[in-house]
Amino acid sequence: MSEPVVLGIESTCDETAAAVVRGRELVSNVVASSMDEHARYGGVIPEIASRAHAEAFVPVVSKALADAQMELSDVDAIAVSAGPGLAGCLAVGVSGAKSLAYAANKPLYGINHVIGHIAVTQLQFGSFPSDTLALIVSGGHTSLLHVTDVARHVDVVGTTLDDAAGECFDKIARLLGFPYPGGPHIDRHAQVGDPHALKVPQGLTQGRSGAAHPYDFSFSGVKTAVARWIEAQQAEGKEIPVDDVCASLANSVADVLSEKAVRACERFDSDTLIVGGGFSANSQLRNMLVKKGKRHGIEMRIPQIKLCTDNGAMVAMLGVNLVEAGVAPSSPDFSIDSAMPMDKIVME
């Protein structure tokens, strides 16, 4: 069989995206973001995002096919994010993808877009070693996954028990007066601040809780501690050392994420760590992972920035893996799953 050509469609949050992948080659990749429409509210408004997806769906998919110099009839299969994500947003993408698949008589896969964040790294780094760990860090997810077969079997090693890393950053950014999304602003200020200026707690790393949850994450306490410190400074009329606050927060979160990821690699005897999700664009995390990877002999596969955030390429790439593995397409009446578990790769 020649290399499968898959059209991938993504609409889990505030990006409407479509891409065409042939084998391990990214042929086209189109993203339309509604982020600016949410900025005034300080976060994503599901109704606004859903309407934006409905408006952007046809233009984005059409451009992805045009950029690839293909018709819909030229693709072998269609893949679409079925979860996890915002229900209304998922419904738009899945409904549109079902219409395309039915009209063109193409197999359709409703995939887990978080697993897509793992699969997309193949475009940059090639196939996975047999035992691979993956660290997924985004606005809503912080997870450690053991990848036996990206198309058939992924196990959850650790997950966040409360706030994800991205949520923590966004909440502190709001307190500091940064516009949404706050992560890039914290990143920029952190690069010139003192990472040891504030003592920022590291959840689930010490004592009984650390022993009971060696690979799980908790950033709620981090968020609360930094928020209270800022509020105390403001109450005393003191100026907030923004650069230092950002650097201390970023350093603490990056240290916990990288340390637990390295520990999981050693536990599963894996010398490869895949990193994915929008938060993996954070420069402090990227730098710390590279340093610890060199120290422990672990290859860090951190994708280029454009493949970190939600995109159609990751959906299409996972679709290619499913086609190559001979996995049956999803049933025509499959539903969305806004809380799709991390160990579920594709809807049946």
C-alpha atoms as a PDB file:
ATOM      1  CA  MET A   1       0.000   0.000   0.000  1.00  0.00           C
ATOM      2  CA  SER A   2       1.279   3.466  -0.869  1.00  0.00           C
ATOM      3  CA  GLU A   3       1.554   6.032   1.898  1.00  0.00           C
ATOM      4  CA  PRO A   4      -1.940   6.985   3.111  1.00  0.00           C
ATOM      5  CA  VAL A   5      -3.173  10.531   2.539  1.00  0.00           C
ATOM      6  CA  VAL A   6      -5.312  11.836   5.414  1.00  0.00           C
ATOM      7  CA  LEU A   7      -7.236  15.071   5.875  1.00  0.00           C
ATOM      8  CA  GLY A   8      -7.197  16.092   9.550  1.00  0.00           C
ATOM      9  CA  ILE A   9      -9.736  18.484  11.104  1.00  0.00           C
ATOM     10  CA  GLU A  10      -9.374  20.097  14.538  1.00  0.00           C
ATOM     11  CA  SER A  11     -11.953  22.177  16.467  1.00  0.00           C
ATOM     12  CA  THR A  12     -11.571  21.375  20.167  1.00  0.00           C
ATOM     13  CA  CYS A  13     -11.174  24.935  21.464  1.00  0.00           C
ATOM     14  CA  ASP A  14     -10.426  28.238  19.726  1.00  0.00           C
ATOM     15  CA  GLU A  15      -8.575  27.040  16.619  1.00  0.00           C
ATOM     16  CA  THR A  16     -10.323  25.806  13.494  1.00  0.00           C
ATOM     17  CA  ALA A  17      -7.653  23.832  11.681  1.00  0.00           C
ATOM     18  CA  ALA A  18      -7.235  21.444   8.779  1.00  0.00           C
ATOM     19  CA  ALA A  19      -4.199  19.739   7.302  1.00  0.00           C
ATOM     20  CA  VAL A  20      -3.264  17.094   4.772  1.00  0.00           C
ATOM     21  CA  VAL A  21      -0.575  14.546   5.639  1.00  0.00           C
ATOM     22  CA  ARG A  22       0.852  11.960   3.257  1.00  0.00           C
ATOM     23  CA  GLY A  23       2.724   9.263   5.157  1.00  0.00           C
ATOM     24  CA  ARG A  24       5.154  11.313   7.257  1.00  0.00           C
ATOM     25  CA  GLU A  25       4.986  14.414   5.057  1.00  0.00           C
ATOM     26  CA  LEU A  26       2.982  17.503   5.980  1.00  0.00           C
ATOM     27  CA  VAL A  27       1.473  18.595   2.664  1.00  0.00           C
ATOM     28  CA  SER A  28      -0.665  21.495   3.926  1.00  0.00           C
ATOM     29  CA  ASN A  29      -1.541  23.022   7.288  1.00  0.00           C
ATOM     30  CA  VAL A  30      -4.143  25.774   7.816  1.00  0.00           C
ATOM     31  CA  VAL A  31      -5.156  27.301  11.171  1.00  0.00           C
ATOM     32  CA  ALA A  32      -7.779  29.979  11.845  1.00  0.00           C
ATOM     33  CA  SER A  33      -7.827  31.196  15.441  1.00  0.00           C
ATOM     34  CA  SER A  34     -10.677  32.987  17.218  1.00  0.00           C
ATOM     35  CA  MET A  35      -8.355  33.934  20.092  1.00  0.00           C
ATOM     36  CA  ASP A  36      -8.724  37.681  19.524  1.00  0.00           C
ATOM     37  CA  GLU A  37     -12.484  37.390  19.962  1.00  0.00           C
ATOM     38  CA  HIS A  38     -11.987  35.882  23.437  1.00  0.00           C
ATOM     39  CA  ALA A  39      -9.290  38.273  24.668  1.00  0.00           C
ATOM     40  CA  ARG A  40     -11.745  40.866  25.979  1.00  0.00           C
ATOM     41  CA  TYR A  41     -13.310  38.207  28.233  1.00  0.00           C
ATOM     42  CA  GLY A  42     -10.012  36.888  29.615  1.00  0.00           C
ATOM     43  CA  GLY A  43     -10.648  33.348  28.393  1.00  0.00           C
ATOM     44  CA  VAL A  44     -12.366  31.198  25.791  1.00  0.00           C
ATOM     45  CA  ILE A  45     -16.151  31.658  25.578  1.00  0.00           C
ATOM     46  CA  PRO A  46     -17.547  28.356  24.230  1.00  0.00           C
ATOM     47  CA  GLU A  47     -20.492  29.918  22.367  1.00  0.00           C
ATOM     48  CA  ILE A  48     -18.257  32.428  20.578  1.00  0.00           C
ATOM     49  CA  ALA A  49     -15.745  29.697  19.745  1.00  0.00           C
ATOM     50  CA  SER A  50     -18.465  27.415  18.361  1.00  0.00           C
ATOM     51  CA  ARG A  51     -19.801  30.154  16.079  1.00  0.00           C
ATOM     52  CA  ALA A  52     -16.279  30.928  14.884  1.00  0.00           C
ATOM     53  CA  HIS A  53     -15.760  27.235  14.006  1.00  0.00           C
ATOM     54  CA  ALA A  54     -19.024  27.179  12.042  1.00  0.00           C
ATOM     55  CA  GLU A  55     -17.901  30.226  10.035  1.00  0.00           C
ATOM     56  CA  ALA A  56     -14.330  29.022   9.457  1.00  0.00           C
ATOM     57  CA  PHE A  57     -14.908  25.309   8.785  1.00  0.00           C
ATOM     58  CA  VAL A  58     -15.520  25.398   5.023  1.00  0.00           C
ATOM     59  CA  PRO A  59     -12.871  28.061   4.205  1.00  0.00           C
ATOM     60  CA  VAL A  60     -10.194  26.311   6.304  1.00  0.00           C
ATOM     61  CA  VAL A  61     -10.830  22.822   4.898  1.00  0.00           C
ATOM     62  CA  SER A  62     -11.058  24.210   1.362  1.00  0.00           C
ATOM     63  CA  LYS A  63      -7.736  26.027   1.738  1.00  0.00           C
ATOM     64  CA  ALA A  64      -6.021  22.952   3.217  1.00  0.00           C
ATOM     65  CA  LEU A  65      -7.087  20.903   0.173  1.00  0.00           C
ATOM     66  CA  ALA A  66      -6.212  23.722  -2.248  1.00  0.00           C
ATOM     67  CA  ASP A  67      -2.764  24.189  -0.689  1.00  0.00           C
ATOM     68  CA  ALA A  68      -2.200  20.449  -1.092  1.00  0.00           C
ATOM     69  CA  GLN A  69      -3.402  20.716  -4.714  1.00  0.00           C
ATOM     70  CA  MET A  70      -5.952  18.012  -4.002  1.00  0.00           C
ATOM     71  CA  GLU A  71      -9.657  17.353  -4.187  1.00  0.00           C
ATOM     72  CA  LEU A  72     -11.514  15.600  -1.393  1.00  0.00           C
ATOM     73  CA  SER A  73     -11.596  12.520  -3.631  1.00  0.00           C
ATOM     74  CA  ASP A  74      -7.771  12.361  -3.482  1.00  0.00           C
ATOM     75  CA  VAL A  75      -7.577  11.625   0.273  1.00  0.00           C
ATOM     76  CA  ASP A  76      -7.722   8.082   1.621  1.00  0.00           C
ATOM     77  CA  ALA A  77      -9.383   8.967   4.925  1.00  0.00           C
ATOM     78  CA  ILE A  78     -10.555  11.831   7.108  1.00  0.00           C
ATOM     79  CA  ALA A  79      -9.694  12.240  10.790  1.00  0.00           C
ATOM     80  CA  VAL A  80     -11.379  14.680  13.170  1.00  0.00           C
ATOM     81  CA  SER A  81     -10.922  15.537  16.845  1.00  0.00           C
ATOM     82  CA  ALA A  82     -13.787  13.925  18.772  1.00  0.00           C
ATOM     83  CA  GLY A  83     -12.479  14.917  22.211  1.00  0.00           C
ATOM     84  CA  PRO A  84     -11.501  15.982  24.744  1.00  0.00           C
ATOM     85  CA  GLY A  85     -12.522  19.610  24.356  1.00  0.00           C
ATOM     86  CA  LEU A  86     -15.446  22.031  24.427  1.00  0.00           C
ATOM     87  CA  ALA A  87     -18.630  20.169  23.472  1.00  0.00           C
ATOM     88  CA  GLY A  88     -20.049  22.816  21.142  1.00  0.00           C
ATOM     89  CA  CYS A  89     -16.722  23.235  19.358  1.00  0.00           C
ATOM     90  CA  LEU A  90     -16.264  19.493  18.931  1.00  0.00           C
ATOM     91  CA  ALA A  91     -19.803  19.179  17.564  1.00  0.00           C
ATOM     92  CA  VAL A  92     -19.078  21.655  14.768  1.00  0.00           C
ATOM     93  CA  GLY A  93     -15.915  19.858  13.635  1.00  0.00           C
ATOM     94  CA  VAL A  94     -17.358  16.352  13.901  1.00  0.00           C
ATOM     95  CA  SER A  95     -20.608  17.288  12.122  1.00  0.00           C
ATOM     96  CA  GLY A  96     -18.644  18.890   9.294  1.00  0.00           C
ATOM     97  CA  ALA A  97     -16.255  15.960   9.008  1.00  0.00           C
ATOM     98  CA  LYS A  98     -19.129  13.469   8.917  1.00  0.00           C
ATOM     99  CA  SER A  99     -20.732  15.440   6.085  1.00  0.00           C
ATOM    100  CA  LEU A 100     -17.489  15.406   4.100  1.00  0.00           C
ATOM    101  CA  ALA A 101     -16.903  11.692   4.727  1.00  0.00           C
ATOM    102  CA  TYR A 102     -20.452  10.779   3.721  1.00  0.00           C
ATOM    103  CA  ALA A 103     -20.428  12.942   0.591  1.00  0.00           C
ATOM    104  CA  ALA A 104     -17.045  11.608  -0.598  1.00  0.00           C
ATOM    105  CA  ASN A 105     -17.542   8.052   0.706  1.00  0.00           C
ATOM    106  CA  LYS A 106     -14.349   8.201   2.774  1.00  0.00           C
ATOM    107  CA  PRO A 107     -13.550   6.375   6.033  1.00  0.00           C
ATOM    108  CA  LEU A 108     -13.718   8.670   9.071  1.00  0.00           C
ATOM    109  CA  TYR A 109     -11.795   8.443  12.343  1.00  0.00           C
ATOM    110  CA  GLY A 110     -12.951  10.362  15.435  1.00  0.00           C
ATOM    111  CA  ILE A 111      -9.664  10.702  17.292  1.00  0.00           C
ATOM    112  CA  ASN A 112      -8.368  11.820  20.689  1.00  0.00           C
ATOM    113  CA  HIS A 113      -6.655  15.123  19.944  1.00  0.00           C
ATOM    114  CA  VAL A 114      -4.335  14.762  22.968  1.00  0.00           C
ATOM    115  CA  ILE A 115      -2.896  11.593  21.430  1.00  0.00           C
ATOM    116  CA  GLY A 116      -2.574  13.641  18.254  1.00  0.00           C
ATOM    117  CA  HIS A 117      -0.076  15.841  20.106  1.00  0.00           C
ATOM    118  CA  ILE A 118       2.095  12.721  20.421  1.00  0.00           C
ATOM    119  CA  ALA A 119       1.639  11.542  16.840  1.00  0.00           C
ATOM    120  CA  VAL A 120       2.509  14.909  15.265  1.00  0.00           C
ATOM    121  CA  THR A 121       6.134  14.674  16.400  1.00  0.00           C
ATOM    122  CA  GLN A 122       6.648  11.956  13.757  1.00  0.00           C
ATOM    123  CA  LEU A 123       6.572  14.716  11.134  1.00  0.00           C
ATOM    124  CA  GLN A 124       9.743  16.130  12.666  1.00  0.00           C
ATOM    125  CA  PHE A 125      11.488  13.174  14.311  1.00  0.00           C
ATOM    126  CA  GLY A 126      10.241  10.055  12.499  1.00  0.00           C
ATOM    127  CA  SER A 127       8.878   6.835  13.992  1.00  0.00           C
ATOM    128  CA  PHE A 128       8.697   6.134  17.714  1.00  0.00           C
ATOM    129  CA  PRO A 129      11.019   3.759  19.569  1.00  0.00           C
ATOM    130  CA  SER A 130       9.211   0.753  21.060  1.00  0.00           C
ATOM    131  CA  ASP A 131       9.007   2.217  24.573  1.00  0.00           C
ATOM    132  CA  THR A 132       8.228   5.918  24.561  1.00  0.00           C
ATOM    133  CA  LEU A 133       7.014   8.313  27.242  1.00  0.00           C
ATOM    134  CA  ALA A 134       5.007  11.412  26.394  1.00  0.00           C
ATOM    135  CA  LEU A 135       4.520  14.592  28.428  1.00  0.00           C
ATOM    136  CA  ILE A 136       1.375  16.451  27.339  1.00  0.00           C
ATOM    137  CA  VAL A 137       1.124  20.015  28.643  1.00  0.00           C
ATOM    138  CA  SER A 138      -1.623  22.376  27.535  1.00  0.00           C
ATOM    139  CA  GLY A 139      -4.192  24.776  28.901  1.00  0.00           C
ATOM    140  CA  GLY A 140      -6.433  21.972  30.076  1.00  0.00           C
ATOM    141  CA  HIS A 141      -4.212  18.888  30.306  1.00  0.00           C
ATOM    142  CA  THR A 142      -1.025  17.869  32.059  1.00  0.00           C
ATOM    143  CA  SER A 143      -0.405  14.164  31.552  1.00  0.00           C
ATOM    144  CA  LEU A 144       2.372  11.595  31.380  1.00  0.00           C
ATOM    145  CA  LEU A 145       1.595   8.770  28.977  1.00  0.00           C
ATOM    146  CA  HIS A 146       3.363   5.501  28.155  1.00  0.00           C
ATOM    147  CA  VAL A 147       3.117   4.892  24.409  1.00  0.00           C
ATOM    148  CA  THR A 148       3.297   1.224  23.450  1.00  0.00           C
ATOM    149  CA  ASP A 149       1.616   1.762  20.076  1.00  0.00           C
ATOM    150  CA  VAL A 150       0.246   5.227  19.244  1.00  0.00           C
ATOM    151  CA  ALA A 151      -2.500   3.690  17.093  1.00  0.00           C
ATOM    152  CA  ARG A 152      -3.552   0.946  19.507  1.00  0.00           C
ATOM    153  CA  HIS A 153      -2.291   1.259  23.060  1.00  0.00           C
ATOM    154  CA  VAL A 154      -1.450   4.214  25.308  1.00  0.00           C
ATOM    155  CA  ASP A 155      -1.378   4.018  29.131  1.00  0.00           C
ATOM    156  CA  VAL A 156      -1.810   6.885  31.570  1.00  0.00           C
ATOM    157  CA  VAL A 157       1.195   7.128  33.891  1.00  0.00           C
ATOM    158  CA  GLY A 158       0.341  10.414  35.577  1.00  0.00           C
ATOM    159  CA  THR A 159      -2.154  13.242  35.314  1.00  0.00           C
ATOM    160  CA  THR A 160      -3.055  16.541  36.938  1.00  0.00           C
ATOM    161  CA  LEU A 161      -5.195  16.275  40.056  1.00  0.00           C
ATOM    162  CA  ASP A 162      -6.431  19.882  39.805  1.00  0.00           C
ATOM    163  CA  ASP A 163      -5.206  22.820  37.694  1.00  0.00           C
ATOM    164  CA  ALA A 164      -3.152  22.074  34.580  1.00  0.00           C
ATOM    165  CA  ALA A 165       0.098  23.994  34.040  1.00  0.00           C
ATOM    166  CA  GLY A 166      -1.476  26.229  31.397  1.00  0.00           C
ATOM    167  CA  GLU A 167      -4.425  27.085  33.663  1.00  0.00           C
ATOM    168  CA  CYS A 168      -2.026  28.064  36.443  1.00  0.00           C
ATOM    169  CA  PHE A 169      -0.145  30.422  34.127  1.00  0.00           C
ATOM    170  CA  ASP A 170      -3.328  32.007  32.770  1.00  0.00           C
ATOM    171  CA  LYS A 171      -4.679  32.745  36.249  1.00  0.00           C
ATOM    172  CA  ILE A 172      -1.463  34.363  37.464  1.00  0.00           C
ATOM    173  CA  ALA A 173      -1.183  36.297  34.202  1.00  0.00           C
ATOM    174  CA  ARG A 174      -4.630  37.764  34.855  1.00  0.00           C
ATOM    175  CA  LEU A 175      -3.533  38.936  38.307  1.00  0.00           C
ATOM    176  CA  LEU A 176      -0.480  40.577  36.765  1.00  0.00           C
ATOM    177  CA  GLY A 177      -2.681  42.422  34.283  1.00  0.00           C
ATOM    178  CA  PHE A 178      -1.564  40.540  31.172  1.00  0.00           C
ATOM    179  CA  PRO A 179      -4.097  40.102  28.344  1.00  0.00           C
ATOM    180  CA  TYR A 180      -5.360  36.660  27.372  1.00  0.00           C
ATOM    181  CA  PRO A 181      -3.664  34.326  26.648  1.00  0.00           C
ATOM    182  CA  GLY A 182      -1.235  35.014  29.474  1.00  0.00           C
ATOM    183  CA  GLY A 183       1.306  32.234  28.921  1.00  0.00           C
ATOM    184  CA  PRO A 184       3.428  33.993  26.267  1.00  0.00           C
ATOM    185  CA  HIS A 185       3.590  37.160  28.413  1.00  0.00           C
ATOM    186  CA  ILE A 186       4.798  35.219  31.457  1.00  0.00           C
ATOM    187  CA  ASP A 187       7.351  33.445  29.264  1.00  0.00           C
ATOM    188  CA  ARG A 188       8.722  36.726  27.925  1.00  0.00           C
ATOM    189  CA  HIS A 189       9.046  38.380  31.359  1.00  0.00           C
ATOM    190  CA  ALA A 190      10.484  35.203  32.907  1.00  0.00           C
ATOM    191  CA  GLN A 191      13.437  35.307  30.535  1.00  0.00           C
ATOM    192  CA  VAL A 192      14.792  38.449  32.226  1.00  0.00           C
ATOM    193  CA  GLY A 193      13.739  37.785  35.832  1.00  0.00           C
ATOM    194  CA  ASP A 194      15.332  36.021  38.806  1.00  0.00           C
ATOM    195  CA  PRO A 195      13.960  32.448  38.973  1.00  0.00           C
ATOM    196  CA  HIS A 196      14.859  32.218  42.662  1.00  0.00           C
ATOM    197  CA  ALA A 197      13.366  35.536  43.819  1.00  0.00           C
ATOM    198  CA  LEU A 198      10.201  33.868  45.188  1.00  0.00           C
ATOM    199  CA  LYS A 199       9.891  30.541  46.936  1.00  0.00           C
ATOM    200  CA  VAL A 200       7.210  28.831  44.861  1.00  0.00           C
ATOM    201  CA  PRO A 201       5.819  25.531  46.193  1.00  0.00           C
ATOM    202  CA  GLN A 202       6.079  22.354  44.135  1.00  0.00           C
ATOM    203  CA  GLY A 203       2.999  20.188  44.532  1.00  0.00           C
ATOM    204  CA  LEU A 204       3.223  16.407  44.944  1.00  0.00           C
ATOM    205  CA  THR A 205       7.005  16.348  45.132  1.00  0.00           C
ATOM    206  CA  GLN A 206       7.677  15.911  48.858  1.00  0.00           C
ATOM    207  CA  GLY A 207       6.691  13.598  51.716  1.00  0.00           C
ATOM    208  CA  ARG A 208       3.736  11.217  51.597  1.00  0.00           C
ATOM    209  CA  SER A 209       1.918  12.998  48.782  1.00  0.00           C
ATOM    210  CA  GLY A 210       5.035  12.905  46.622  1.00  0.00           C
ATOM    211  CA  ALA A 211       5.516   9.196  47.322  1.00  0.00           C
ATOM    212  CA  ALA A 212       1.843   8.425  46.635  1.00  0.00           C
ATOM    213  CA  HIS A 213       1.762  10.447  43.395  1.00  0.00           C
ATOM    214  CA  PRO A 214       5.253  10.182  41.863  1.00  0.00           C
ATOM    215  CA  TYR A 215       4.029  10.964  38.330  1.00  0.00           C
ATOM    216  CA  ASP A 216       0.926  13.078  39.042  1.00  0.00           C
ATOM    217  CA  PHE A 217       0.762  16.871  39.007  1.00  0.00           C
ATOM    218  CA  SER A 218      -0.872  19.555  41.137  1.00  0.00           C
ATOM    219  CA  PHE A 219      -0.594  23.245  40.289  1.00  0.00           C
ATOM    220  CA  SER A 220      -3.495  24.606  42.319  1.00  0.00           C
ATOM    221  CA  GLY A 221      -1.249  25.254  45.339  1.00  0.00           C
ATOM    222  CA  VAL A 222       1.314  26.974  43.117  1.00  0.00           C
ATOM    223  CA  LYS A 223      -1.356  29.273  41.709  1.00  0.00           C
ATOM    224  CA  THR A 224      -2.734  30.066  45.193  1.00  0.00           C
ATOM    225  CA  ALA A 225       0.668  30.739  46.757  1.00  0.00           C
ATOM    226  CA  VAL A 226       1.806  33.104  43.999  1.00  0.00           C
ATOM    227  CA  ALA A 227      -1.594  34.844  43.905  1.00  0.00           C
ATOM    228  CA  ARG A 228      -1.540  35.451  47.676  1.00  0.00           C
ATOM    229  CA  TRP A 229       2.001  36.818  47.481  1.00  0.00           C
ATOM    230  CA  ILE A 230       0.975  39.265  44.750  1.00  0.00           C
ATOM    231  CA  GLU A 231      -2.122  40.328  46.684  1.00  0.00           C
ATOM    232  CA  ALA A 232      -0.086  40.850  49.871  1.00  0.00           C
ATOM    233  CA  GLN A 233       2.388  43.054  47.982  1.00  0.00           C
ATOM    234  CA  GLN A 234      -0.464  45.078  46.515  1.00  0.00           C
ATOM    235  CA  ALA A 235      -2.134  45.460  49.923  1.00  0.00           C
ATOM    236  CA  GLU A 236       1.089  46.975  51.293  1.00  0.00           C
ATOM    237  CA  GLY A 237       1.337  49.327  48.326  1.00  0.00           C
ATOM    238  CA  LYS A 238       4.531  47.703  47.092  1.00  0.00           C
ATOM    239  CA  GLU A 239       5.491  47.465  43.438  1.00  0.00           C
ATOM    240  CA  ILE A 240       5.240  43.972  41.993  1.00  0.00           C
ATOM    241  CA  PRO A 241       8.557  42.716  40.553  1.00  0.00           C
ATOM    242  CA  VAL A 242       6.790  41.268  37.517  1.00  0.00           C
ATOM    243  CA  ASP A 243       9.878  39.768  35.867  1.00  0.00           C
ATOM    244  CA  ASP A 244      10.892  37.968  39.056  1.00  0.00           C
ATOM    245  CA  VAL A 245       7.377  36.669  39.740  1.00  0.00           C
ATOM    246  CA  CYS A 246       7.161  35.270  36.214  1.00  0.00           C
ATOM    247  CA  ALA A 247      10.651  33.758  36.357  1.00  0.00           C
ATOM    248  CA  SER A 248      10.040  32.104  39.744  1.00  0.00           C
ATOM    249  CA  LEU A 249       6.681  30.682  38.636  1.00  0.00           C
ATOM    250  CA  ALA A 250       8.010  29.424  35.302  1.00  0.00           C
ATOM    251  CA  ASN A 251      11.093  27.875  36.890  1.00  0.00           C
ATOM    252  CA  SER A 252       9.084  26.013  39.528  1.00  0.00           C
ATOM    253  CA  VAL A 253       6.533  24.624  37.065  1.00  0.00           C
ATOM    254  CA  ALA A 254       9.204  23.649  34.526  1.00  0.00           C
ATOM    255  CA  ASP A 255      11.238  21.920  37.233  1.00  0.00           C
ATOM    256  CA  VAL A 256       8.297  19.797  38.395  1.00  0.00           C
ATOM    257  CA  LEU A 257       7.208  18.863  34.863  1.00  0.00           C
ATOM    258  CA  SER A 258      10.703  17.936  33.681  1.00  0.00           C
ATOM    259  CA  GLU A 259      11.694  16.105  36.874  1.00  0.00           C
ATOM    260  CA  LYS A 260       8.593  13.901  36.918  1.00  0.00           C
ATOM    261  CA  ALA A 261       8.899  13.229  33.195  1.00  0.00           C
ATOM    262  CA  VAL A 262      12.532  12.136  33.559  1.00  0.00           C
ATOM    263  CA  ARG A 263      11.631   9.956  36.545  1.00  0.00           C
ATOM    264  CA  ALA A 264       8.876   8.280  34.497  1.00  0.00           C
ATOM    265  CA  CYS A 265      11.333   7.613  31.658  1.00  0.00           C
ATOM    266  CA  GLU A 266      13.669   5.895  34.098  1.00  0.00           C
ATOM    267  CA  ARG A 267      10.786   3.904  35.619  1.00  0.00           C
ATOM    268  CA  PHE A 268       9.740   2.578  32.192  1.00  0.00           C
ATOM    269  CA  ASP A 269      13.291   2.231  30.899  1.00  0.00           C
ATOM    270  CA  SER A 270      12.611   4.670  28.070  1.00  0.00           C
ATOM    271  CA  ASP A 271      15.299   6.836  26.534  1.00  0.00           C
ATOM    272  CA  THR A 272      12.817   8.941  24.518  1.00  0.00           C
ATOM    273  CA  LEU A 273      10.396  11.588  25.784  1.00  0.00           C
ATOM    274  CA  ILE A 274       7.872  13.172  23.436  1.00  0.00           C
ATOM    275  CA  VAL A 275       6.576  16.586  24.493  1.00  0.00           C
ATOM    276  CA  GLY A 276       3.351  18.072  23.155  1.00  0.00           C
ATOM    277  CA  GLY A 277       0.576  20.571  23.784  1.00  0.00           C
ATOM    278  CA  GLY A 278       0.439  24.363  23.685  1.00  0.00           C
ATOM    279  CA  PHE A 279       2.352  24.819  26.939  1.00  0.00           C
ATOM    280  CA  SER A 280       5.330  22.982  25.436  1.00  0.00           C
ATOM    281  CA  ALA A 281       6.056  26.238  23.603  1.00  0.00           C
ATOM    282  CA  ASN A 282       7.204  27.661  26.965  1.00  0.00           C
ATOM    283  CA  SER A 283      10.924  28.441  26.673  1.00  0.00           C
ATOM    284  CA  GLN A 284      11.775  27.691  30.325  1.00  0.00           C
ATOM    285  CA  LEU A 285      10.233  24.226  30.047  1.00  0.00           C
ATOM    286  CA  ARG A 286      11.939  23.515  26.730  1.00  0.00           C
ATOM    287  CA  ASN A 287      15.345  24.569  28.080  1.00  0.00           C
ATOM    288  CA  MET A 288      14.986  22.571  31.284  1.00  0.00           C
ATOM    289  CA  LEU A 289      13.870  19.439  29.448  1.00  0.00           C
ATOM    290  CA  VAL A 290      16.870  19.646  27.114  1.00  0.00           C
ATOM    291  CA  LYS A 291      19.288  20.077  30.050  1.00  0.00           C
ATOM    292  CA  LYS A 292      17.831  17.192  32.045  1.00  0.00           C
ATOM    293  CA  GLY A 293      17.636  15.050  28.927  1.00  0.00           C
ATOM    294  CA  LYS A 294      21.369  15.454  28.333  1.00  0.00           C
ATOM    295  CA  ARG A 295      22.106  14.731  31.990  1.00  0.00           C
ATOM    296  CA  HIS A 296      20.066  11.505  32.025  1.00  0.00           C
ATOM    297  CA  GLY A 297      20.669  10.304  28.453  1.00  0.00           C
ATOM    298  CA  ILE A 298      17.093  10.869  27.312  1.00  0.00           C
ATOM    299  CA  GLU A 299      16.252  12.133  23.829  1.00  0.00           C
ATOM    300  CA  MET A 300      13.775  15.016  24.127  1.00  0.00           C
ATOM    301  CA  ARG A 301      11.497  15.233  21.110  1.00  0.00           C
ATOM    302  CA  ILE A 302      10.072  18.740  21.429  1.00  0.00           C
ATOM    303  CA  PRO A 303       8.226  19.831  18.282  1.00  0.00           C
ATOM    304  CA  GLN A 304       8.658  23.161  16.543  1.00  0.00           C
ATOM    305  CA  ILE A 305       6.347  25.869  17.893  1.00  0.00           C
ATOM    306  CA  LYS A 306       3.781  25.693  15.073  1.00  0.00           C
ATOM    307  CA  LEU A 307       3.136  22.020  15.897  1.00  0.00           C
ATOM    308  CA  CYS A 308       2.786  22.578  19.670  1.00  0.00           C
ATOM    309  CA  THR A 309      -0.594  24.302  19.683  1.00  0.00           C
ATOM    310  CA  ASP A 310      -3.768  22.638  18.372  1.00  0.00           C
ATOM    311  CA  ASN A 311      -3.570  22.055  14.622  1.00  0.00           C
ATOM    312  CA  GLY A 312      -4.887  19.816  11.886  1.00  0.00           C
ATOM    313  CA  ALA A 313      -1.500  18.201  11.274  1.00  0.00           C
ATOM    314  CA  MET A 314      -1.617  16.314  14.568  1.00  0.00           C
ATOM    315  CA  VAL A 315      -5.097  14.982  13.781  1.00  0.00           C
ATOM    316  CA  ALA A 316      -4.093  13.919  10.277  1.00  0.00           C
ATOM    317  CA  MET A 317      -0.863  12.313  11.513  1.00  0.00           C
ATOM    318  CA  LEU A 318      -2.724  10.180  14.061  1.00  0.00           C
ATOM    319  CA  GLY A 319      -5.167   9.313  11.275  1.00  0.00           C
ATOM    320  CA  VAL A 320      -2.261   8.079   9.141  1.00  0.00           C
ATOM    321  CA  ASN A 321      -1.118   5.861  12.024  1.00  0.00           C
ATOM    322  CA  LEU A 322      -4.617   4.398  12.374  1.00  0.00           C
ATOM    323  CA  VAL A 323      -4.895   3.667   8.640  1.00  0.00           C
ATOM    324  CA  GLU A 324      -1.432   2.072   8.561  1.00  0.00           C
ATOM    325  CA  ALA A 325      -2.264  -0.098  11.591  1.00  0.00           C
ATOM    326  CA  GLY A 326      -5.468  -1.334   9.963  1.00  0.00           C
ATOM    327  CA  VAL A 327      -7.668   0.080  12.731  1.00  0.00           C
ATOM    328  CA  ALA A 328     -11.329   0.124  11.736  1.00  0.00           C
ATOM    329  CA  PRO A 329     -12.841   3.556  11.077  1.00  0.00           C
ATOM    330  CA  SER A 330     -15.282   5.009  13.600  1.00  0.00           C
ATOM    331  CA  SER A 331     -18.927   4.091  13.127  1.00  0.00           C
ATOM    332  CA  PRO A 332     -20.936   6.676  11.167  1.00  0.00           C
ATOM    333  CA  ASP A 333     -22.942   7.618  14.267  1.00  0.00           C
ATOM    334  CA  PHE A 334     -20.030   8.042  16.696  1.00  0.00           C
ATOM    335  CA  SER A 335     -20.498  10.817  19.244  1.00  0.00           C
ATOM    336  CA  ILE A 336     -18.203  13.493  20.592  1.00  0.00           C
ATOM    337  CA  ASP A 337     -16.673  12.988  24.041  1.00  0.00           C
ATOM    338  CA  SER A 338     -15.717  16.264  25.724  1.00  0.00           C
ATOM    339  CA  ALA A 339     -14.051  14.303  28.548  1.00  0.00           C
ATOM    340  CA  MET A 340     -12.457  11.629  26.361  1.00  0.00           C
ATOM    341  CA  PRO A 341     -10.051   9.598  28.532  1.00  0.00           C
ATOM    342  CA  MET A 342      -6.355   9.755  27.717  1.00  0.00           C
ATOM    343  CA  ASP A 343      -6.113   6.020  27.023  1.00  0.00           C
ATOM    344  CA  LYS A 344      -8.863   6.088  24.375  1.00  0.00           C
ATOM    345  CA  ILE A 345      -7.258   6.740  20.991  1.00  0.00           C
ATOM    346  CA  VAL A 346     -10.199   6.598  18.592  1.00  0.00           C
ATOM    347  CA  MET A 347     -13.982   6.437  18.805  1.00  0.00           C
ATOM    348  CA  GLU A 348     -15.448   3.098  17.748  1.00  0.00           C
END
